[in-house]
């Protein structure tokens, strides 16, 4: 079924996420790509975030993964700490997207400027805003009809080419 090209995390049913603990935390967002389709070369994730000025910029950061593969990262600074919302555009490579359910994960690592600060220090935080946007223009997946397929590649080609839904195997 057709889906909007631009979707916010909020429109996908997700709320904002606040990370306040020292160490690594993560949040995942799922989106679907219909079988037989892939994302165009201009697919991207517009991450909108804010963060505390009390973190160690050399040891803290944000990493974005798609289906377990890193696709981008954010290095924080005093300039980005002075703004409540910052936006970074992360390109989504078509090779990292799979038909069906995809998982976009945002990992945040927070360490304070002073390593001797108390563990329960409340001044460390990163905010992921629900207005962050997935830009997912879709295009049909090209099928090579002369490729030699076997059942080792199952469920391909059936999930990529819907006209094969009435195929039967007779043994």
Protein backbone atom coordinates (compact mmCIF):
# COMPACT_ATOMS: atom_id res chain seq x y z
CA UNK A 1 0.00 0.00 0.00
CA UNK A 2 1.24 3.53 -0.66
CA UNK A 3 2.79 5.29 2.29
CA UNK A 4 3.81 8.89 2.84
CA UNK A 5 7.33 9.76 1.74
CA UNK A 6 7.94 11.89 4.85
CA UNK A 7 6.93 10.55 8.26
CA UNK A 8 7.78 11.92 11.68
CA UNK A 9 8.49 9.60 14.57
CA UNK A 10 5.27 10.93 16.11
CA UNK A 11 3.24 9.98 13.01
CA UNK A 12 4.71 6.46 13.28
CA UNK A 13 3.34 6.29 16.83
CA UNK A 14 6.53 7.07 18.78
CA UNK A 15 7.02 9.64 21.51
CA UNK A 16 10.14 11.65 22.19
CA UNK A 17 12.88 10.00 24.21
CA UNK A 18 14.95 11.52 27.01
CA UNK A 19 18.25 9.84 27.97
CA UNK A 20 19.48 10.89 31.42
CA UNK A 21 21.75 8.08 32.57
CA UNK A 22 25.50 7.82 32.35
CA UNK A 23 26.58 5.20 29.82
CA UNK A 24 24.90 3.82 26.74
CA UNK A 25 21.16 3.88 26.11
CA UNK A 26 19.18 3.20 22.97
CA UNK A 27 15.75 3.50 21.40
CA UNK A 28 14.45 1.71 18.30
CA UNK A 29 11.96 2.82 15.68
CA UNK A 30 10.39 0.42 13.18
CA UNK A 31 9.24 1.22 9.67
CA UNK A 32 8.11 -0.94 6.77
CA UNK A 33 9.14 -1.11 3.14
CA UNK A 34 6.63 -2.99 0.97
CA UNK A 35 7.87 -6.10 -0.86
CA UNK A 36 9.07 -5.31 -4.36
CA UNK A 37 10.17 -1.82 -3.39
CA UNK A 38 13.37 -0.21 -2.16
CA UNK A 39 14.28 3.30 -1.03
CA UNK A 40 15.60 5.87 -3.47
CA UNK A 41 19.12 7.28 -3.22
CA UNK A 42 17.87 10.41 -1.41
CA UNK A 43 16.34 8.50 1.54
CA UNK A 44 17.35 10.04 4.87
CA UNK A 45 16.68 10.34 8.59
CA UNK A 46 16.42 13.89 9.94
CA UNK A 47 17.40 13.46 13.59
CA UNK A 48 16.25 16.33 15.80
CA UNK A 49 17.96 16.34 19.19
CA UNK A 50 19.06 18.50 22.09
CA UNK A 51 21.61 17.86 24.83
CA UNK A 52 23.19 19.07 28.04
CA UNK A 53 26.36 21.16 28.12
CA UNK A 54 27.66 19.08 31.05
CA UNK A 55 28.68 16.06 28.98
CA UNK A 56 32.19 15.23 27.81
CA UNK A 57 32.04 15.93 24.07
CA UNK A 58 35.10 13.77 23.36
CA UNK A 59 33.58 10.66 24.97
CA UNK A 60 29.85 11.15 24.37
CA UNK A 61 27.89 10.94 21.17
CA UNK A 62 24.96 9.59 19.19
CA UNK A 63 25.15 6.70 16.72
CA UNK A 64 22.33 5.79 14.32
CA UNK A 65 22.03 2.20 13.11
CA UNK A 66 19.73 0.65 10.52
CA UNK A 67 19.08 -3.09 10.86
CA UNK A 68 22.20 -3.35 13.04
CA UNK A 69 24.50 -1.47 10.64
CA UNK A 70 25.83 1.99 11.56
CA UNK A 71 24.72 4.64 9.07
CA UNK A 72 25.63 7.87 10.88
CA UNK A 73 26.81 9.55 14.04
CA UNK A 74 26.61 12.87 15.82
CA UNK A 75 29.39 14.63 17.68
CA UNK A 76 28.03 17.11 20.20
CA UNK A 77 29.57 20.50 20.99
CA UNK A 78 29.04 23.73 22.95
CA UNK A 79 27.37 25.16 19.85
CA UNK A 80 24.80 22.35 19.71
CA UNK A 81 24.31 22.47 23.50
CA UNK A 82 23.27 26.12 23.27
CA UNK A 83 20.27 25.15 21.10
CA UNK A 84 17.26 23.18 22.35
CA UNK A 85 16.83 21.58 18.91
CA UNK A 86 19.54 20.58 16.47
CA UNK A 87 18.96 18.73 13.22
CA UNK A 88 21.33 16.44 11.40
CA UNK A 89 20.48 14.68 8.14
CA UNK A 90 21.70 11.09 7.91
CA UNK A 91 21.63 9.40 4.51
CA UNK A 92 19.93 5.97 4.43
CA UNK A 93 21.75 3.66 2.01
CA UNK A 94 19.40 1.48 -0.05
CA UNK A 95 21.62 -1.53 0.64
CA UNK A 96 20.84 -1.30 4.38
CA UNK A 97 17.06 -1.38 3.85
CA UNK A 98 15.25 -4.72 3.60
CA UNK A 99 11.74 -5.49 2.38
CA UNK A 100 9.31 -5.63 5.29
CA UNK A 101 10.13 -4.50 8.80
CA UNK A 102 13.23 -2.33 9.28
CA UNK A 103 14.65 -1.18 12.62
CA UNK A 104 16.24 2.24 13.02
CA UNK A 105 18.15 2.45 16.31
CA UNK A 106 19.49 5.57 18.00
CA UNK A 107 22.25 4.86 20.57
CA UNK A 108 23.33 7.56 22.97
CA UNK A 109 26.52 7.43 25.03
CA UNK A 110 26.69 9.93 27.91
CA UNK A 111 29.76 10.61 30.04
CA UNK A 112 30.24 13.66 32.28
CA UNK A 113 33.07 16.18 32.01
CA UNK A 114 34.29 15.08 35.42
CA UNK A 115 34.59 11.31 35.76
CA UNK A 116 34.55 11.73 39.55
CA UNK A 117 31.02 13.16 39.50
CA UNK A 118 28.32 11.12 41.28
CA UNK A 119 26.68 8.26 39.37
CA UNK A 120 23.21 9.73 39.90
CA UNK A 121 24.17 13.13 38.46
CA UNK A 122 21.02 14.56 36.80
CA UNK A 123 22.74 17.11 34.56
CA UNK A 124 23.50 14.65 31.76
CA UNK A 125 20.80 14.35 29.14
CA UNK A 126 20.05 13.96 25.45
CA UNK A 127 16.58 14.55 24.07
CA UNK A 128 15.41 12.86 20.84
CA UNK A 129 12.44 14.86 19.58
CA UNK A 130 9.39 13.14 18.00
CA UNK A 131 9.54 15.63 15.12
CA UNK A 132 12.56 13.70 13.75
CA UNK A 133 11.68 12.71 10.19
CA UNK A 134 12.13 9.67 8.00
CA UNK A 135 12.28 10.62 4.32
CA UNK A 136 11.60 7.38 2.46
CA UNK A 137 10.91 7.84 -1.26
CA UNK A 138 10.24 4.38 -2.68
CA UNK A 139 11.01 2.95 -6.10
CA UNK A 140 10.34 -0.46 -7.62
CA UNK A 141 13.07 -3.03 -7.13
CA UNK A 142 14.49 -4.08 -10.48
CA UNK A 143 14.18 -7.83 -11.06
CA UNK A 144 16.72 -9.61 -13.24
CA UNK A 145 14.65 -12.28 -15.06
CA UNK A 146 17.70 -14.22 -16.25
CA UNK A 147 19.16 -14.70 -12.77
CA UNK A 148 19.33 -18.32 -11.65
CA UNK A 149 17.55 -18.63 -8.31
CA UNK A 150 17.28 -21.60 -6.02
CA UNK A 151 15.39 -22.31 -2.82
CA UNK A 152 18.55 -21.34 -0.93
CA UNK A 153 17.54 -17.71 -1.48
CA UNK A 154 13.95 -18.27 -0.30
CA UNK A 155 11.77 -16.22 0.34
CA UNK A 156 13.26 -14.32 -2.59
CA UNK A 157 12.03 -13.75 -5.29
CA UNK A 158 8.50 -14.19 -3.92
CA UNK A 159 8.69 -11.25 -1.51
CA UNK A 160 10.19 -8.98 -4.17
CA UNK A 161 7.79 -9.73 -7.00
CA UNK A 162 4.12 -9.98 -5.95
CA UNK A 163 3.05 -11.62 -9.25
CA UNK A 164 4.75 -14.83 -8.10
CA UNK A 165 2.20 -15.26 -5.29
CA UNK A 166 0.41 -18.05 -7.18
CA UNK A 167 3.55 -20.13 -7.77
CA UNK A 168 3.43 -23.74 -6.62
CA UNK A 169 6.16 -26.33 -6.14
CA UNK A 170 5.44 -29.89 -7.21
CA UNK A 171 7.84 -32.51 -5.88
